[in-house]
Amino acid sequence: PILQVYLNSFRTDGDVKQKPFGLPAKWIFTNWAETWKVGGYTTAFLNSLFIAAVVIAVVLFLISMCAYALSKMKFKGKGFLTGYFFVAISLPGFLYIVPDYFMFNKIGLVNSRISLILIYIAMQIPFNMLLLRTYLADIPGELEEAARVDGCSDASVFFRIILPIAKPMLFTITILIFVNVWNEFLWANTFIATDALKPLATRFVKFVGEYSSNMARIYTASAITITPIIVVYLLFSRRFIEGMTSGSVKG
């Protein structure tokens, strides 16, 4: 399917509609440049990059401390908080998209990048926090005890012992967040109306008409959107897999 998306991005609209599968009858190499220009992809690309970078930074900062507390510390309400995050990942997003829209509209944040950033942060925290919590729970407590015997405070243990060990999982979580934010369509298309603020995943809508759509442009827009994800996977797949499997290896 991915290969066909790329093949169709080099075809005419009529060719795609007549024969959706197979090689192009005539290779059209101008589709990408024209789609990029008409769709405003330079601005959209920068919007997606900015949103993803902010979300990744904030989520990693929050979940690293939260996961450490839930995996290594004892405090009242720990079980409730853990259960809350499990419930949060079980609820589909469309259940709260309408109330969220009215809430953000009331405080004047609809049609702004900050609204998407806040929403994505809230969406990415539960699963990734639990993922990191599981990873940190497997770190032997003897390492922390030895560090405290040497005079390290809780903060020193966290920054000098825990975080360096957790780097593989933090990298994996970074990739997961990037892919999720980069590909997200529903919330971005609902909350952002101004073209100059729209992220990459929403731009193919520009080629969808009320009575007809330019399928060649839609395929090209899809190819433009997924190409960065494929590049990231090809570059970092080994480290991603290492992060997902390292926590399960004992001894």
C-alpha atoms as a PDB file:
ATOM      1  CA  PRO A   1       0.000   0.000   0.000  1.00  0.00           C
ATOM      2  CA  ILE A   2       2.779   2.467   0.805  1.00  0.00           C
ATOM      3  CA  LEU A   3       4.512   1.732  -2.495  1.00  0.00           C
ATOM      4  CA  GLN A   4       1.231   2.328  -4.334  1.00  0.00           C
ATOM      5  CA  VAL A   5       0.823   5.688  -2.605  1.00  0.00           C
ATOM      6  CA  TYR A   6       4.186   6.753  -3.977  1.00  0.00           C
ATOM      7  CA  LEU A   7       3.426   5.369  -7.447  1.00  0.00           C
ATOM      8  CA  ASN A   8       0.103   7.204  -7.562  1.00  0.00           C
ATOM      9  CA  SER A   9       1.838  10.433  -6.594  1.00  0.00           C
ATOM     10  CA  PHE A  10       3.473  10.375 -10.038  1.00  0.00           C
ATOM     11  CA  ARG A  11       0.222   9.909 -11.979  1.00  0.00           C
ATOM     12  CA  THR A  12      -2.483  12.158 -13.375  1.00  0.00           C
ATOM     13  CA  ASP A  13      -5.825  12.436 -11.619  1.00  0.00           C
ATOM     14  CA  GLY A  14      -7.608  10.684 -14.471  1.00  0.00           C
ATOM     15  CA  ASP A  15      -5.089   7.853 -14.498  1.00  0.00           C
ATOM     16  CA  VAL A  16      -5.525   7.259 -10.756  1.00  0.00           C
ATOM     17  CA  LYS A  17      -9.325   7.226 -10.984  1.00  0.00           C
ATOM     18  CA  GLN A  18      -9.327   4.937 -14.007  1.00  0.00           C
ATOM     19  CA  LYS A  19      -6.775   2.463 -12.638  1.00  0.00           C
ATOM     20  CA  PRO A  20      -5.999   2.942  -8.919  1.00  0.00           C
ATOM     21  CA  PHE A  21      -3.414   0.157  -8.809  1.00  0.00           C
ATOM     22  CA  GLY A  22      -0.338  -0.457 -10.900  1.00  0.00           C
ATOM     23  CA  LEU A  23       2.335   1.621 -12.561  1.00  0.00           C
ATOM     24  CA  PRO A  24       1.592   5.091 -13.953  1.00  0.00           C
ATOM     25  CA  ALA A  25       0.570   5.214 -17.620  1.00  0.00           C
ATOM     26  CA  LYS A  26       2.606   8.410 -17.781  1.00  0.00           C
ATOM     27  CA  TRP A  27       5.029   9.557 -15.107  1.00  0.00           C
ATOM     28  CA  ILE A  28       4.228  13.086 -13.867  1.00  0.00           C
ATOM     29  CA  PHE A  29       7.239  14.392 -11.964  1.00  0.00           C
ATOM     30  CA  THR A  30       5.771  17.841 -11.312  1.00  0.00           C
ATOM     31  CA  ASN A  31       3.095  16.600  -8.892  1.00  0.00           C
ATOM     32  CA  TRP A  32       5.289  16.931  -5.820  1.00  0.00           C
ATOM     33  CA  ALA A  33       6.434  20.482  -6.496  1.00  0.00           C
ATOM     34  CA  GLU A  34       2.940  21.646  -7.459  1.00  0.00           C
ATOM     35  CA  THR A  35       1.286  19.938  -4.489  1.00  0.00           C
ATOM     36  CA  TRP A  36       3.903  21.365  -2.120  1.00  0.00           C
ATOM     37  CA  LYS A  37       3.295  24.886  -3.430  1.00  0.00           C
ATOM     38  CA  VAL A  38      -0.510  24.779  -3.697  1.00  0.00           C
ATOM     39  CA  GLY A  39      -0.891  23.002  -0.355  1.00  0.00           C
ATOM     40  CA  GLY A  40       1.342  25.446   1.505  1.00  0.00           C
ATOM     41  CA  TYR A  41       3.544  22.639   2.731  1.00  0.00           C
ATOM     42  CA  THR A  42       6.507  24.763   3.769  1.00  0.00           C
ATOM     43  CA  THR A  43       4.446  26.487   6.461  1.00  0.00           C
ATOM     44  CA  ALA A  44       2.633  23.265   7.356  1.00  0.00           C
ATOM     45  CA  PHE A  45       5.924  21.391   7.713  1.00  0.00           C
ATOM     46  CA  LEU A  46       7.315  24.028  10.070  1.00  0.00           C
ATOM     47  CA  ASN A  47       4.060  24.035  12.065  1.00  0.00           C
ATOM     48  CA  SER A  48       4.204  20.262  12.547  1.00  0.00           C
ATOM     49  CA  LEU A  49       7.883  20.375  13.439  1.00  0.00           C
ATOM     50  CA  PHE A  50       7.337  23.116  16.026  1.00  0.00           C
ATOM     51  CA  ILE A  51       4.320  21.415  17.601  1.00  0.00           C
ATOM     52  CA  ALA A  52       6.067  18.039  17.748  1.00  0.00           C
ATOM     53  CA  ALA A  53       9.225  19.515  19.291  1.00  0.00           C
ATOM     54  CA  VAL A  54       7.336  21.345  22.047  1.00  0.00           C
ATOM     55  CA  VAL A  55       5.131  18.352  22.839  1.00  0.00           C
ATOM     56  CA  ILE A  56       8.117  15.990  22.997  1.00  0.00           C
ATOM     57  CA  ALA A  57      10.073  18.291  25.316  1.00  0.00           C
ATOM     58  CA  VAL A  58       7.186  18.883  27.724  1.00  0.00           C
ATOM     59  CA  VAL A  59       5.991  15.273  27.795  1.00  0.00           C
ATOM     60  CA  LEU A  60       9.475  13.880  28.424  1.00  0.00           C
ATOM     61  CA  PHE A  61      10.003  16.380  31.242  1.00  0.00           C
ATOM     62  CA  LEU A  62       6.701  15.507  32.925  1.00  0.00           C
ATOM     63  CA  ILE A  63       6.620  11.741  32.480  1.00  0.00           C
ATOM     64  CA  SER A  64      10.231  11.219  33.550  1.00  0.00           C
ATOM     65  CA  MET A  65       9.519  12.651  37.004  1.00  0.00           C
ATOM     66  CA  CYS A  66       6.055  11.112  37.270  1.00  0.00           C
ATOM     67  CA  ALA A  67       7.240   7.655  36.188  1.00  0.00           C
ATOM     68  CA  TYR A  68      10.119   7.817  38.664  1.00  0.00           C
ATOM     69  CA  ALA A  69       7.765   8.707  41.496  1.00  0.00           C
ATOM     70  CA  LEU A  70       5.266   5.965  40.638  1.00  0.00           C
ATOM     71  CA  SER A  71       7.923   3.298  40.169  1.00  0.00           C
ATOM     72  CA  LYS A  72      10.374   4.078  42.980  1.00  0.00           C
ATOM     73  CA  MET A  73       8.648   6.123  45.673  1.00  0.00           C
ATOM     74  CA  LYS A  74       5.979   5.327  48.242  1.00  0.00           C
ATOM     75  CA  PHE A  75       3.289   7.934  48.837  1.00  0.00           C
ATOM     76  CA  LYS A  76      -0.422   8.171  49.513  1.00  0.00           C
ATOM     77  CA  GLY A  77      -2.570   7.974  46.393  1.00  0.00           C
ATOM     78  CA  LYS A  78       0.046   6.157  44.311  1.00  0.00           C
ATOM     79  CA  GLY A  79      -2.351   3.356  43.403  1.00  0.00           C
ATOM     80  CA  PHE A  80      -5.089   5.814  42.479  1.00  0.00           C
ATOM     81  CA  LEU A  81      -2.780   7.760  40.163  1.00  0.00           C
ATOM     82  CA  THR A  82      -1.597   4.599  38.443  1.00  0.00           C
ATOM     83  CA  GLY A  83      -5.183   3.471  37.961  1.00  0.00           C
ATOM     84  CA  TYR A  84      -6.116   6.901  36.623  1.00  0.00           C
ATOM     85  CA  PHE A  85      -3.510   6.649  33.874  1.00  0.00           C
ATOM     86  CA  PHE A  86      -4.696   3.156  32.939  1.00  0.00           C
ATOM     87  CA  VAL A  87      -8.260   4.448  32.628  1.00  0.00           C
ATOM     88  CA  ALA A  88      -7.048   7.430  30.596  1.00  0.00           C
ATOM     89  CA  ILE A  89      -5.439   5.251  27.916  1.00  0.00           C
ATOM     90  CA  SER A  90      -8.600   3.134  27.614  1.00  0.00           C
ATOM     91  CA  LEU A  91     -10.866   6.056  26.666  1.00  0.00           C
ATOM     92  CA  PRO A  92     -11.119   6.945  22.943  1.00  0.00           C
ATOM     93  CA  GLY A  93     -10.289  10.544  22.119  1.00  0.00           C
ATOM     94  CA  PHE A  94     -13.544  11.302  20.331  1.00  0.00           C
ATOM     95  CA  LEU A  95     -15.373  11.098  23.672  1.00  0.00           C
ATOM     96  CA  TYR A  96     -13.922  14.422  24.795  1.00  0.00           C
ATOM     97  CA  ILE A  97     -13.247  16.246  21.546  1.00  0.00           C
ATOM     98  CA  VAL A  98     -16.548  18.173  21.735  1.00  0.00           C
ATOM     99  CA  PRO A  99     -16.251  19.313  25.380  1.00  0.00           C
ATOM    100  CA  ASP A 100     -12.607  20.186  24.786  1.00  0.00           C
ATOM    101  CA  TYR A 101     -13.555  22.284  21.775  1.00  0.00           C
ATOM    102  CA  PHE A 102     -16.125  24.278  23.754  1.00  0.00           C
ATOM    103  CA  MET A 103     -13.714  24.705  26.662  1.00  0.00           C
ATOM    104  CA  PHE A 104     -10.876  25.974  24.461  1.00  0.00           C
ATOM    105  CA  ASN A 105     -13.278  28.168  22.516  1.00  0.00           C
ATOM    106  CA  LYS A 106     -14.489  29.757  25.745  1.00  0.00           C
ATOM    107  CA  ILE A 107     -10.957  30.706  26.791  1.00  0.00           C
ATOM    108  CA  GLY A 108     -10.017  31.859  23.290  1.00  0.00           C
ATOM    109  CA  LEU A 109      -7.516  29.148  22.387  1.00  0.00           C
ATOM    110  CA  VAL A 110      -9.324  27.575  19.431  1.00  0.00           C
ATOM    111  CA  ASN A 111      -7.538  28.158  16.128  1.00  0.00           C
ATOM    112  CA  SER A 112      -4.127  28.459  17.754  1.00  0.00           C
ATOM    113  CA  ARG A 113      -1.103  26.192  17.929  1.00  0.00           C
ATOM    114  CA  ILE A 114      -1.174  26.324  21.730  1.00  0.00           C
ATOM    115  CA  SER A 115      -4.504  24.471  21.745  1.00  0.00           C
ATOM    116  CA  LEU A 116      -3.033  21.553  19.789  1.00  0.00           C
ATOM    117  CA  ILE A 117       0.101  21.548  21.924  1.00  0.00           C
ATOM    118  CA  LEU A 118      -1.902  21.314  25.163  1.00  0.00           C
ATOM    119  CA  ILE A 119      -4.176  18.614  23.743  1.00  0.00           C
ATOM    120  CA  TYR A 120      -1.306  16.533  22.404  1.00  0.00           C
ATOM    121  CA  ILE A 121       0.560  16.800  25.696  1.00  0.00           C
ATOM    122  CA  ALA A 122      -2.494  15.494  27.548  1.00  0.00           C
ATOM    123  CA  MET A 123      -2.976  12.712  24.998  1.00  0.00           C
ATOM    124  CA  GLN A 124       0.643  11.527  25.044  1.00  0.00           C
ATOM    125  CA  ILE A 125       1.238  11.496  28.796  1.00  0.00           C
ATOM    126  CA  PRO A 126      -0.781   8.441  30.010  1.00  0.00           C
ATOM    127  CA  PHE A 127       0.554   5.671  27.744  1.00  0.00           C
ATOM    128  CA  ASN A 128       4.131   6.914  27.618  1.00  0.00           C
ATOM    129  CA  MET A 129       4.239   7.520  31.354  1.00  0.00           C
ATOM    130  CA  LEU A 130       3.127   3.935  32.031  1.00  0.00           C
ATOM    131  CA  LEU A 131       5.647   2.659  29.484  1.00  0.00           C
ATOM    132  CA  LEU A 132       8.477   4.519  31.204  1.00  0.00           C
ATOM    133  CA  ARG A 133       7.209   3.528  34.652  1.00  0.00           C
ATOM    134  CA  THR A 134       7.453  -0.146  33.713  1.00  0.00           C
ATOM    135  CA  TYR A 135      10.989   0.394  32.443  1.00  0.00           C
ATOM    136  CA  LEU A 136      12.128   2.263  35.566  1.00  0.00           C
ATOM    137  CA  ALA A 137      10.589  -0.348  37.853  1.00  0.00           C
ATOM    138  CA  ASP A 138      13.059  -2.903  36.463  1.00  0.00           C
ATOM    139  CA  ILE A 139      16.079  -0.826  37.492  1.00  0.00           C
ATOM    140  CA  PRO A 140      17.612  -2.506  40.579  1.00  0.00           C
ATOM    141  CA  GLY A 141      17.028  -0.571  43.780  1.00  0.00           C
ATOM    142  CA  GLU A 142      20.581  -1.371  44.861  1.00  0.00           C
ATOM    143  CA  LEU A 143      21.880   1.254  42.432  1.00  0.00           C
ATOM    144  CA  GLU A 144      19.877   3.973  44.167  1.00  0.00           C
ATOM    145  CA  GLU A 145      20.832   2.741  47.616  1.00  0.00           C
ATOM    146  CA  ALA A 146      24.522   2.758  46.713  1.00  0.00           C
ATOM    147  CA  ALA A 147      24.219   6.286  45.347  1.00  0.00           C
ATOM    148  CA  ARG A 148      22.511   7.488  48.526  1.00  0.00           C
ATOM    149  CA  VAL A 149      25.213   5.878  50.644  1.00  0.00           C
ATOM    150  CA  ASP A 150      27.698   7.965  48.657  1.00  0.00           C
ATOM    151  CA  GLY A 151      25.756  11.083  49.622  1.00  0.00           C
ATOM    152  CA  CYS A 152      23.480  11.589  46.605  1.00  0.00           C
ATOM    153  CA  SER A 153      20.153  13.297  47.167  1.00  0.00           C
ATOM    154  CA  ASP A 154      16.920  12.138  45.512  1.00  0.00           C
ATOM    155  CA  ALA A 155      17.449  14.719  42.779  1.00  0.00           C
ATOM    156  CA  SER A 156      21.011  13.534  42.177  1.00  0.00           C
ATOM    157  CA  VAL A 157      19.877   9.917  42.005  1.00  0.00           C
ATOM    158  CA  PHE A 158      17.229  10.869  39.465  1.00  0.00           C
ATOM    159  CA  PHE A 159      19.455  12.951  37.195  1.00  0.00           C
ATOM    160  CA  ARG A 160      22.742  11.042  37.557  1.00  0.00           C
ATOM    161  CA  ILE A 161      21.556   7.436  37.861  1.00  0.00           C
ATOM    162  CA  ILE A 162      17.989   6.958  36.642  1.00  0.00           C
ATOM    163  CA  LEU A 163      17.873   9.210  33.572  1.00  0.00           C
ATOM    164  CA  PRO A 164      21.127   7.933  32.012  1.00  0.00           C
ATOM    165  CA  ILE A 165      19.923   4.341  32.404  1.00  0.00           C
ATOM    166  CA  ALA A 166      16.522   5.262  30.937  1.00  0.00           C
ATOM    167  CA  LYS A 167      17.960   6.899  27.794  1.00  0.00           C
ATOM    168  CA  PRO A 168      17.026   3.999  25.457  1.00  0.00           C
ATOM    169  CA  MET A 169      13.393   4.092  26.562  1.00  0.00           C
ATOM    170  CA  LEU A 170      13.265   7.892  26.493  1.00  0.00           C
ATOM    171  CA  PHE A 171      14.510   7.788  22.910  1.00  0.00           C
ATOM    172  CA  THR A 172      11.854   5.221  22.005  1.00  0.00           C
ATOM    173  CA  ILE A 173       9.162   7.369  23.605  1.00  0.00           C
ATOM    174  CA  THR A 174      10.441  10.374  21.658  1.00  0.00           C
ATOM    175  CA  ILE A 175       9.898   8.471  18.400  1.00  0.00           C
ATOM    176  CA  LEU A 176       6.422   7.336  19.479  1.00  0.00           C
ATOM    177  CA  ILE A 177       5.363  10.874  20.359  1.00  0.00           C
ATOM    178  CA  PHE A 178       6.790  12.279  17.135  1.00  0.00           C
ATOM    179  CA  VAL A 179       4.915   9.754  14.984  1.00  0.00           C
ATOM    180  CA  ASN A 180       1.637  10.244  16.856  1.00  0.00           C
ATOM    181  CA  VAL A 181       1.770  14.038  16.736  1.00  0.00           C
ATOM    182  CA  TRP A 182       2.994  14.173  13.135  1.00  0.00           C
ATOM    183  CA  ASN A 183       0.197  11.909  11.862  1.00  0.00           C
ATOM    184  CA  GLU A 184      -2.649  13.305  13.976  1.00  0.00           C
ATOM    185  CA  PHE A 185      -5.508  14.623  11.842  1.00  0.00           C
ATOM    186  CA  LEU A 186      -8.831  14.744  13.719  1.00  0.00           C
ATOM    187  CA  TRP A 187      -7.956  17.233  16.445  1.00  0.00           C
ATOM    188  CA  ALA A 188      -5.822  19.401  14.168  1.00  0.00           C
ATOM    189  CA  ASN A 189      -8.534  19.636  11.526  1.00  0.00           C
ATOM    190  CA  THR A 190     -11.183  20.391  14.167  1.00  0.00           C
ATOM    191  CA  PHE A 191      -9.325  22.988  16.217  1.00  0.00           C
ATOM    192  CA  ILE A 192      -7.377  24.819  13.495  1.00  0.00           C
ATOM    193  CA  ALA A 193      -9.211  26.759  10.782  1.00  0.00           C
ATOM    194  CA  THR A 194      -6.509  29.145   9.559  1.00  0.00           C
ATOM    195  CA  ASP A 195      -4.391  27.699   6.741  1.00  0.00           C
ATOM    196  CA  ALA A 196      -1.217  29.330   8.048  1.00  0.00           C
ATOM    197  CA  LEU A 197      -1.558  27.429  11.348  1.00  0.00           C
ATOM    198  CA  LYS A 198      -2.515  23.995  10.015  1.00  0.00           C
ATOM    199  CA  PRO A 199      -0.030  21.134  10.477  1.00  0.00           C
ATOM    200  CA  LEU A 200       1.124  18.797   7.724  1.00  0.00           C
ATOM    201  CA  ALA A 201      -1.381  15.970   8.194  1.00  0.00           C
ATOM    202  CA  THR A 202      -4.367  18.222   7.433  1.00  0.00           C
ATOM    203  CA  ARG A 203      -3.170  19.680   4.145  1.00  0.00           C
ATOM    204  CA  PHE A 204      -4.540  16.961   1.865  1.00  0.00           C
ATOM    205  CA  VAL A 205      -8.038  18.288   2.640  1.00  0.00           C
ATOM    206  CA  LYS A 206      -7.198  21.200   0.354  1.00  0.00           C
ATOM    207  CA  PHE A 207      -7.464  18.801  -2.603  1.00  0.00           C
ATOM    208  CA  VAL A 208     -10.802  17.307  -1.544  1.00  0.00           C
ATOM    209  CA  GLY A 209     -13.775  18.939  -3.263  1.00  0.00           C
ATOM    210  CA  GLU A 210     -17.497  18.805  -2.526  1.00  0.00           C
ATOM    211  CA  TYR A 211     -18.305  16.973  -5.756  1.00  0.00           C
ATOM    212  CA  SER A 212     -14.911  15.693  -6.911  1.00  0.00           C
ATOM    213  CA  SER A 213     -11.378  15.331  -5.610  1.00  0.00           C
ATOM    214  CA  ASN A 214      -7.955  15.388  -7.205  1.00  0.00           C
ATOM    215  CA  MET A 215      -6.815  11.903  -6.250  1.00  0.00           C
ATOM    216  CA  ALA A 216      -3.312  12.325  -7.670  1.00  0.00           C
ATOM    217  CA  ARG A 217      -2.776  15.370  -5.457  1.00  0.00           C
ATOM    218  CA  ILE A 218      -4.246  13.554  -2.448  1.00  0.00           C
ATOM    219  CA  TYR A 219      -1.839  10.655  -2.937  1.00  0.00           C
ATOM    220  CA  THR A 220       1.020  13.114  -3.346  1.00  0.00           C
ATOM    221  CA  ALA A 221      -0.019  14.932  -0.170  1.00  0.00           C
ATOM    222  CA  SER A 222      -0.124  11.599   1.666  1.00  0.00           C
ATOM    223  CA  ALA A 223       3.337  10.709   0.369  1.00  0.00           C
ATOM    224  CA  ILE A 224       4.706  14.064   1.526  1.00  0.00           C
ATOM    225  CA  THR A 225       3.225  13.503   4.982  1.00  0.00           C
ATOM    226  CA  ILE A 226       4.510   9.967   5.535  1.00  0.00           C
ATOM    227  CA  THR A 227       7.986  10.469   4.061  1.00  0.00           C
ATOM    228  CA  PRO A 228       9.479  12.053   7.244  1.00  0.00           C
ATOM    229  CA  ILE A 229       8.090   9.142   9.295  1.00  0.00           C
ATOM    230  CA  ILE A 230       9.702   6.605   6.975  1.00  0.00           C
ATOM    231  CA  VAL A 231      13.008   8.491   7.109  1.00  0.00           C
ATOM    232  CA  VAL A 232      12.902   8.565  10.923  1.00  0.00           C
ATOM    233  CA  TYR A 233      12.185   4.834  11.016  1.00  0.00           C
ATOM    234  CA  LEU A 234      15.017   3.986   8.628  1.00  0.00           C
ATOM    235  CA  LEU A 235      17.474   6.110  10.608  1.00  0.00           C
ATOM    236  CA  PHE A 236      16.505   5.081  14.122  1.00  0.00           C
ATOM    237  CA  SER A 237      14.766   1.684  13.862  1.00  0.00           C
ATOM    238  CA  ARG A 238      17.612  -0.148  15.612  1.00  0.00           C
ATOM    239  CA  ARG A 239      17.645   2.222  18.581  1.00  0.00           C
ATOM    240  CA  PHE A 240      13.835   2.165  18.713  1.00  0.00           C
ATOM    241  CA  ILE A 241      13.797  -1.631  18.948  1.00  0.00           C
ATOM    242  CA  GLU A 242      16.585  -1.571  21.537  1.00  0.00           C
ATOM    243  CA  GLY A 243      14.533   0.765  23.700  1.00  0.00           C
ATOM    244  CA  MET A 244      11.436  -1.429  23.464  1.00  0.00           C
ATOM    245  CA  THR A 245      13.283  -4.659  24.258  1.00  0.00           C
ATOM    246  CA  SER A 246      16.023  -3.611  26.693  1.00  0.00           C
ATOM    247  CA  GLY A 247      13.640  -3.396  29.631  1.00  0.00           C
ATOM    248  CA  SER A 248      12.573  -7.009  29.125  1.00  0.00           C
ATOM    249  CA  VAL A 249      16.109  -8.417  29.127  1.00  0.00           C
ATOM    250  CA  LYS A 250      17.248  -9.682  32.516  1.00  0.00           C
ATOM    251  CA  GLY A 251      20.710 -10.510  33.735  1.00  0.00           C
END
